[in-house]
Amino acid sequence: MGGQVRMENQSRRIVRTKSHLKTAFIELIEEKGYSHVTVTDIVKRALYNRTTFYHYYIDKQHITEELQNEMVEAIKKTSMDKYQEGDQIQVSSMGPHSFELIYFIEQNKNYFNLLLKADTIPNMHHDLPNAIYQILDEQFEFVSDMPTMNTPAHKRYMAHGTSGLIVEWIKNGYDLTPEMLSKELINILQTMAKGFVVKKSDRKKENEW
């Protein structure tokens, strides 16, 4: 029992330390630009030493990749938290909390504001539309009179359009509430689809046979 408690405490300490390092990293990118941030800058801002940094990360590229991967996975998870496999959703029944991603972005402004930086995390601008596309492609089957609605090209178009609106919202200083932006997205979706079905995973499909 004591060993398990020690492991849990150690795990929490690791998560906390890495979170502090990433927060410092994000702040420094905002202030100086990505290319000008060094490991020394990160540890000084986070009030750790270089030994602590190198205990968890190989270099700046390593912490960058972990930060990006975590945010992409969080985008996907947040977007799907309200839905279960097999759900059938009418667009007309959707409400302001149907797009939890919008709330997640507002809660993590410090990270997403980096989308406005010229000298920002490499390829960060592709992360949001690519994550949205993966969600649409892997999780949703739309009910629509448009025969192209469920093609990869149309879903890619939707992903980039949604991402574009979100980035414009960030540029405008989050001038709309998340509820207002969500309603705008629902109104747009309503012009293209009547509803959607949350796909079942391939594994579950196989078990049904």
C-alpha atoms as a PDB file:
ATOM      1  CA  MET A   1       0.000   0.000   0.000  1.00  0.00           C
ATOM      2  CA  GLY A   2       2.806   2.397   0.967  1.00  0.00           C
ATOM      3  CA  GLY A   3       4.609   1.643  -2.291  1.00  0.00           C
ATOM      4  CA  GLN A   4       1.525   2.452  -4.329  1.00  0.00           C
ATOM      5  CA  VAL A   5       1.105   5.789  -2.526  1.00  0.00           C
ATOM      6  CA  ARG A   6       4.745   6.651  -3.192  1.00  0.00           C
ATOM      7  CA  MET A   7       4.313   5.804  -6.876  1.00  0.00           C
ATOM      8  CA  GLU A   8       1.179   7.930  -7.109  1.00  0.00           C
ATOM      9  CA  ASN A   9       2.934  10.851  -5.403  1.00  0.00           C
ATOM     10  CA  GLN A  10       5.898  10.466  -7.722  1.00  0.00           C
ATOM     11  CA  SER A  11       3.601  10.342 -10.754  1.00  0.00           C
ATOM     12  CA  ARG A  12       1.824  13.535  -9.656  1.00  0.00           C
ATOM     13  CA  ARG A  13       5.187  15.204  -9.077  1.00  0.00           C
ATOM     14  CA  ILE A  14       6.346  14.282 -12.580  1.00  0.00           C
ATOM     15  CA  VAL A  15       3.133  15.613 -14.143  1.00  0.00           C
ATOM     16  CA  ARG A  16       3.421  18.831 -12.112  1.00  0.00           C
ATOM     17  CA  THR A  17       7.078  19.388 -13.025  1.00  0.00           C
ATOM     18  CA  LYS A  18       6.489  18.786 -16.728  1.00  0.00           C
ATOM     19  CA  SER A  19       3.447  21.059 -16.645  1.00  0.00           C
ATOM     20  CA  HIS A  20       5.539  23.867 -15.122  1.00  0.00           C
ATOM     21  CA  LEU A  21       8.178  23.445 -17.812  1.00  0.00           C
ATOM     22  CA  LYS A  22       5.580  23.529 -20.593  1.00  0.00           C
ATOM     23  CA  THR A  23       3.836  26.575 -19.141  1.00  0.00           C
ATOM     24  CA  ALA A  24       7.162  28.395 -19.002  1.00  0.00           C
ATOM     25  CA  PHE A  25       7.897  27.310 -22.572  1.00  0.00           C
ATOM     26  CA  ILE A  26       4.564  28.660 -23.851  1.00  0.00           C
ATOM     27  CA  GLU A  27       5.069  31.994 -22.066  1.00  0.00           C
ATOM     28  CA  LEU A  28       8.538  32.380 -23.546  1.00  0.00           C
ATOM     29  CA  ILE A  29       7.369  31.616 -27.096  1.00  0.00           C
ATOM     30  CA  GLU A  30       4.734  34.326 -26.698  1.00  0.00           C
ATOM     31  CA  GLU A  31       7.369  36.794 -25.481  1.00  0.00           C
ATOM     32  CA  LYS A  32      10.418  35.945 -27.602  1.00  0.00           C
ATOM     33  CA  GLY A  33       9.318  33.734 -30.468  1.00  0.00           C
ATOM     34  CA  TYR A  34       9.967  30.011 -30.718  1.00  0.00           C
ATOM     35  CA  SER A  35      13.367  30.187 -32.394  1.00  0.00           C
ATOM     36  CA  HIS A  36      14.772  32.424 -29.655  1.00  0.00           C
ATOM     37  CA  VAL A  37      13.764  30.251 -26.690  1.00  0.00           C
ATOM     38  CA  THR A  38      16.511  28.084 -25.172  1.00  0.00           C
ATOM     39  CA  VAL A  39      16.488  25.310 -22.601  1.00  0.00           C
ATOM     40  CA  THR A  40      18.219  27.712 -20.213  1.00  0.00           C
ATOM     41  CA  ASP A  41      15.353  30.187 -20.679  1.00  0.00           C
ATOM     42  CA  ILE A  42      12.798  27.474 -19.910  1.00  0.00           C
ATOM     43  CA  VAL A  43      14.410  26.249 -16.695  1.00  0.00           C
ATOM     44  CA  LYS A  44      15.009  29.769 -15.426  1.00  0.00           C
ATOM     45  CA  ARG A  45      11.390  30.739 -16.010  1.00  0.00           C
ATOM     46  CA  ALA A  46      10.090  27.505 -14.458  1.00  0.00           C
ATOM     47  CA  LEU A  47      12.507  27.802 -11.499  1.00  0.00           C
ATOM     48  CA  TYR A  48      14.151  24.434 -12.136  1.00  0.00           C
ATOM     49  CA  ASN A  49      17.661  23.465 -13.176  1.00  0.00           C
ATOM     50  CA  ARG A  50      18.925  21.989 -16.432  1.00  0.00           C
ATOM     51  CA  THR A  51      19.348  18.574 -14.803  1.00  0.00           C
ATOM     52  CA  THR A  52      15.605  18.453 -14.119  1.00  0.00           C
ATOM     53  CA  PHE A  53      14.822  19.398 -17.713  1.00  0.00           C
ATOM     54  CA  TYR A  54      17.124  16.756 -19.170  1.00  0.00           C
ATOM     55  CA  HIS A  55      15.672  14.145 -16.827  1.00  0.00           C
ATOM     56  CA  TYR A  56      12.436  14.397 -18.834  1.00  0.00           C
ATOM     57  CA  TYR A  57      13.434  15.776 -22.226  1.00  0.00           C
ATOM     58  CA  ILE A  58      16.264  15.329 -24.688  1.00  0.00           C
ATOM     59  CA  ASP A  59      16.115  18.880 -26.018  1.00  0.00           C
ATOM     60  CA  LYS A  60      13.752  21.711 -27.000  1.00  0.00           C
ATOM     61  CA  GLN A  61      12.421  19.688 -29.916  1.00  0.00           C
ATOM     62  CA  HIS A  62      11.429  16.886 -27.540  1.00  0.00           C
ATOM     63  CA  ILE A  63       9.348  19.110 -25.245  1.00  0.00           C
ATOM     64  CA  THR A  64       7.837  20.749 -28.344  1.00  0.00           C
ATOM     65  CA  GLU A  65       6.688  17.424 -29.769  1.00  0.00           C
ATOM     66  CA  GLU A  66       5.226  16.283 -26.438  1.00  0.00           C
ATOM     67  CA  LEU A  67       3.357  19.571 -26.006  1.00  0.00           C
ATOM     68  CA  GLN A  68       1.927  19.434 -29.524  1.00  0.00           C
ATOM     69  CA  ASN A  69       0.926  15.780 -29.255  1.00  0.00           C
ATOM     70  CA  GLU A  70      -0.793  16.390 -25.917  1.00  0.00           C
ATOM     71  CA  MET A  71      -2.781  19.306 -27.292  1.00  0.00           C
ATOM     72  CA  VAL A  72      -3.829  17.406 -30.421  1.00  0.00           C
ATOM     73  CA  GLU A  73      -5.026  14.482 -28.306  1.00  0.00           C
ATOM     74  CA  ALA A  74      -6.837  16.902 -25.974  1.00  0.00           C
ATOM     75  CA  ILE A  75      -8.569  18.501 -28.983  1.00  0.00           C
ATOM     76  CA  LYS A  76      -9.804  15.086 -30.109  1.00  0.00           C
ATOM     77  CA  LYS A  77     -10.864  13.946 -26.646  1.00  0.00           C
ATOM     78  CA  THR A  78     -12.659  17.200 -25.828  1.00  0.00           C
ATOM     79  CA  SER A  79     -14.499  17.130 -29.139  1.00  0.00           C
ATOM     80  CA  MET A  80     -15.819  13.621 -28.462  1.00  0.00           C
ATOM     81  CA  ASP A  81     -16.520  13.806 -24.704  1.00  0.00           C
ATOM     82  CA  LYS A  82     -20.246  14.466 -25.212  1.00  0.00           C
ATOM     83  CA  TYR A  83     -20.786  11.644 -27.678  1.00  0.00           C
ATOM     84  CA  GLN A  84     -20.999   7.871 -27.492  1.00  0.00           C
ATOM     85  CA  GLU A  85     -20.564   5.388 -30.305  1.00  0.00           C
ATOM     86  CA  GLY A  86     -23.857   4.859 -32.102  1.00  0.00           C
ATOM     87  CA  ASP A  87     -25.361   8.215 -31.071  1.00  0.00           C
ATOM     88  CA  GLN A  88     -27.679   9.730 -33.656  1.00  0.00           C
ATOM     89  CA  ILE A  89     -27.739  13.506 -33.396  1.00  0.00           C
ATOM     90  CA  GLN A  90     -30.100  15.925 -35.113  1.00  0.00           C
ATOM     91  CA  VAL A  91     -28.405  19.232 -35.912  1.00  0.00           C
ATOM     92  CA  SER A  92     -31.613  21.052 -34.959  1.00  0.00           C
ATOM     93  CA  SER A  93     -31.297  19.630 -31.425  1.00  0.00           C
ATOM     94  CA  MET A  94     -27.707  20.803 -30.917  1.00  0.00           C
ATOM     95  CA  GLY A  95     -27.037  23.530 -28.365  1.00  0.00           C
ATOM     96  CA  PRO A  96     -24.230  25.890 -27.323  1.00  0.00           C
ATOM     97  CA  HIS A  97     -22.380  23.117 -25.496  1.00  0.00           C
ATOM     98  CA  SER A  98     -22.339  20.787 -28.492  1.00  0.00           C
ATOM     99  CA  PHE A  99     -18.867  22.107 -29.424  1.00  0.00           C
ATOM    100  CA  GLU A 100     -16.840  21.580 -26.253  1.00  0.00           C
ATOM    101  CA  LEU A 101     -13.715  22.240 -28.323  1.00  0.00           C
ATOM    102  CA  ILE A 102     -14.546  25.968 -28.301  1.00  0.00           C
ATOM    103  CA  TYR A 103     -14.591  26.032 -24.501  1.00  0.00           C
ATOM    104  CA  PHE A 104     -11.346  24.058 -24.369  1.00  0.00           C
ATOM    105  CA  ILE A 105      -9.618  26.585 -26.627  1.00  0.00           C
ATOM    106  CA  GLU A 106     -10.811  29.509 -24.526  1.00  0.00           C
ATOM    107  CA  GLN A 107      -9.578  27.761 -21.371  1.00  0.00           C
ATOM    108  CA  ASN A 108      -6.165  27.269 -22.995  1.00  0.00           C
ATOM    109  CA  LYS A 109      -5.736  30.708 -24.539  1.00  0.00           C
ATOM    110  CA  ASN A 110      -2.071  30.878 -23.630  1.00  0.00           C
ATOM    111  CA  TYR A 111      -1.346  27.981 -25.975  1.00  0.00           C
ATOM    112  CA  PHE A 112      -3.744  28.796 -28.816  1.00  0.00           C
ATOM    113  CA  ASN A 113      -2.684  32.452 -28.890  1.00  0.00           C
ATOM    114  CA  LEU A 114       0.589  31.132 -30.279  1.00  0.00           C
ATOM    115  CA  LEU A 115      -1.289  30.582 -33.555  1.00  0.00           C
ATOM    116  CA  LEU A 116      -1.022  34.340 -34.034  1.00  0.00           C
ATOM    117  CA  LYS A 117       2.768  34.387 -33.722  1.00  0.00           C
ATOM    118  CA  ALA A 118       4.906  34.462 -36.853  1.00  0.00           C
ATOM    119  CA  ASP A 119       7.746  32.711 -35.005  1.00  0.00           C
ATOM    120  CA  THR A 120       5.720  29.960 -33.375  1.00  0.00           C
ATOM    121  CA  ILE A 121       5.882  26.204 -32.824  1.00  0.00           C
ATOM    122  CA  PRO A 122       6.733  24.557 -36.163  1.00  0.00           C
ATOM    123  CA  ASN A 123       3.670  23.220 -38.019  1.00  0.00           C
ATOM    124  CA  MET A 124       1.359  24.327 -35.213  1.00  0.00           C
ATOM    125  CA  HIS A 125      -0.964  25.935 -37.771  1.00  0.00           C
ATOM    126  CA  HIS A 126      -1.699  22.497 -39.225  1.00  0.00           C
ATOM    127  CA  ASP A 127      -2.521  20.832 -35.896  1.00  0.00           C
ATOM    128  CA  LEU A 128      -6.029  22.219 -35.399  1.00  0.00           C
ATOM    129  CA  PRO A 129      -7.454  21.565 -38.902  1.00  0.00           C
ATOM    130  CA  ASN A 130      -5.775  18.149 -39.055  1.00  0.00           C
ATOM    131  CA  ALA A 131      -7.188  17.120 -35.660  1.00  0.00           C
ATOM    132  CA  ILE A 132     -10.684  18.302 -36.623  1.00  0.00           C
ATOM    133  CA  TYR A 133     -10.442  16.434 -39.921  1.00  0.00           C
ATOM    134  CA  GLN A 134      -9.423  13.209 -38.154  1.00  0.00           C
ATOM    135  CA  ILE A 135     -12.439  13.529 -35.854  1.00  0.00           C
ATOM    136  CA  LEU A 136     -14.822  14.118 -38.764  1.00  0.00           C
ATOM    137  CA  ASP A 137     -13.306  11.328 -40.839  1.00  0.00           C
ATOM    138  CA  GLU A 138     -13.019   8.683 -38.119  1.00  0.00           C
ATOM    139  CA  GLN A 139     -15.987   9.482 -35.866  1.00  0.00           C
ATOM    140  CA  PHE A 140     -18.841  11.065 -37.828  1.00  0.00           C
ATOM    141  CA  GLU A 141     -21.134   9.965 -40.630  1.00  0.00           C
ATOM    142  CA  PHE A 142     -23.346  12.852 -41.738  1.00  0.00           C
ATOM    143  CA  VAL A 143     -26.986  12.577 -42.789  1.00  0.00           C
ATOM    144  CA  SER A 144     -27.347  14.961 -45.682  1.00  0.00           C
ATOM    145  CA  ASP A 145     -28.934  15.515 -49.075  1.00  0.00           C
ATOM    146  CA  MET A 146     -25.475  16.431 -50.337  1.00  0.00           C
ATOM    147  CA  PRO A 147     -23.936  13.291 -51.871  1.00  0.00           C
ATOM    148  CA  THR A 148     -20.392  14.533 -51.227  1.00  0.00           C
ATOM    149  CA  MET A 149     -20.939  15.279 -47.544  1.00  0.00           C
ATOM    150  CA  ASN A 150     -19.051  12.228 -46.274  1.00  0.00           C
ATOM    151  CA  THR A 151     -16.205  12.298 -48.771  1.00  0.00           C
ATOM    152  CA  PRO A 152     -12.685  13.042 -47.507  1.00  0.00           C
ATOM    153  CA  ALA A 153     -12.583  16.219 -49.611  1.00  0.00           C
ATOM    154  CA  HIS A 154     -15.764  17.633 -48.056  1.00  0.00           C
ATOM    155  CA  LYS A 155     -14.704  16.732 -44.534  1.00  0.00           C
ATOM    156  CA  ARG A 156     -11.309  18.325 -45.164  1.00  0.00           C
ATOM    157  CA  TYR A 157     -13.138  21.456 -46.350  1.00  0.00           C
ATOM    158  CA  MET A 158     -15.274  21.455 -43.192  1.00  0.00           C
ATOM    159  CA  ALA A 159     -12.221  20.981 -40.977  1.00  0.00           C
ATOM    160  CA  HIS A 160     -10.334  23.888 -42.502  1.00  0.00           C
ATOM    161  CA  GLY A 161     -13.431  26.076 -42.483  1.00  0.00           C
ATOM    162  CA  THR A 162     -14.063  25.373 -38.799  1.00  0.00           C
ATOM    163  CA  SER A 163     -10.414  25.932 -37.957  1.00  0.00           C
ATOM    164  CA  GLY A 164     -10.444  29.196 -39.901  1.00  0.00           C
ATOM    165  CA  LEU A 165     -13.411  30.521 -37.940  1.00  0.00           C
ATOM    166  CA  ILE A 166     -11.726  29.566 -34.667  1.00  0.00           C
ATOM    167  CA  VAL A 167      -8.459  31.278 -35.616  1.00  0.00           C
ATOM    168  CA  GLU A 168     -10.390  34.405 -36.660  1.00  0.00           C
ATOM    169  CA  TRP A 169     -12.109  34.318 -33.253  1.00  0.00           C
ATOM    170  CA  ILE A 170      -8.700  34.185 -31.569  1.00  0.00           C
ATOM    171  CA  LYS A 171      -7.424  37.066 -33.745  1.00  0.00           C
ATOM    172  CA  ASN A 172     -10.435  39.128 -32.675  1.00  0.00           C
ATOM    173  CA  GLY A 173      -9.547  38.643 -29.018  1.00  0.00           C
ATOM    174  CA  TYR A 174     -12.248  36.049 -28.319  1.00  0.00           C
ATOM    175  CA  ASP A 175     -14.868  38.702 -29.043  1.00  0.00           C
ATOM    176  CA  LEU A 176     -17.691  36.150 -29.064  1.00  0.00           C
ATOM    177  CA  THR A 177     -18.572  33.971 -26.115  1.00  0.00           C
ATOM    178  CA  PRO A 178     -18.047  30.237 -26.691  1.00  0.00           C
ATOM    179  CA  GLU A 179     -21.837  29.891 -26.735  1.00  0.00           C
ATOM    180  CA  MET A 180     -22.154  32.453 -29.519  1.00  0.00           C
ATOM    181  CA  LEU A 181     -19.439  30.908 -31.650  1.00  0.00           C
ATOM    182  CA  SER A 182     -20.908  27.444 -31.118  1.00  0.00           C
ATOM    183  CA  LYS A 183     -24.299  28.677 -32.346  1.00  0.00           C
ATOM    184  CA  GLU A 184     -22.654  30.116 -35.463  1.00  0.00           C
ATOM    185  CA  LEU A 185     -21.031  26.752 -36.181  1.00  0.00           C
ATOM    186  CA  ILE A 186     -24.350  24.970 -35.663  1.00  0.00           C
ATOM    187  CA  ASN A 187     -26.070  27.357 -38.082  1.00  0.00           C
ATOM    188  CA  ILE A 188     -23.403  26.649 -40.705  1.00  0.00           C
ATOM    189  CA  LEU A 189     -23.627  22.896 -40.161  1.00  0.00           C
ATOM    190  CA  GLN A 190     -27.409  23.062 -40.485  1.00  0.00           C
ATOM    191  CA  THR A 191     -27.047  24.326 -44.075  1.00  0.00           C
ATOM    192  CA  MET A 192     -25.157  21.144 -44.997  1.00  0.00           C
ATOM    193  CA  ALA A 193     -26.500  18.290 -42.865  1.00  0.00           C
ATOM    194  CA  LYS A 194     -29.643  17.174 -41.060  1.00  0.00           C
ATOM    195  CA  GLY A 195     -27.690  15.228 -38.490  1.00  0.00           C
ATOM    196  CA  PHE A 196     -24.890  12.769 -37.928  1.00  0.00           C
ATOM    197  CA  VAL A 197     -24.170   9.349 -36.497  1.00  0.00           C
ATOM    198  CA  VAL A 198     -21.201   8.671 -34.253  1.00  0.00           C
ATOM    199  CA  LYS A 199     -19.418   5.763 -35.881  1.00  0.00           C
ATOM    200  CA  LYS A 200     -18.685   2.524 -34.085  1.00  0.00           C
ATOM    201  CA  SER A 201     -15.061   1.480 -33.827  1.00  0.00           C
ATOM    202  CA  ASP A 202     -13.827  -1.192 -36.223  1.00  0.00           C
ATOM    203  CA  ARG A 203     -13.292  -3.562 -33.299  1.00  0.00           C
ATOM    204  CA  LYS A 204     -16.913  -3.286 -32.190  1.00  0.00           C
ATOM    205  CA  LYS A 205     -18.116  -3.765 -35.750  1.00  0.00           C
ATOM    206  CA  GLU A 206     -16.120  -6.976 -35.986  1.00  0.00           C
ATOM    207  CA  ASN A 207     -17.610  -8.267 -32.717  1.00  0.00           C
ATOM    208  CA  GLU A 208     -21.121  -7.756 -34.065  1.00  0.00           C
ATOM    209  CA  TRP A 209     -20.570 -10.213 -36.914  1.00  0.00           C
END
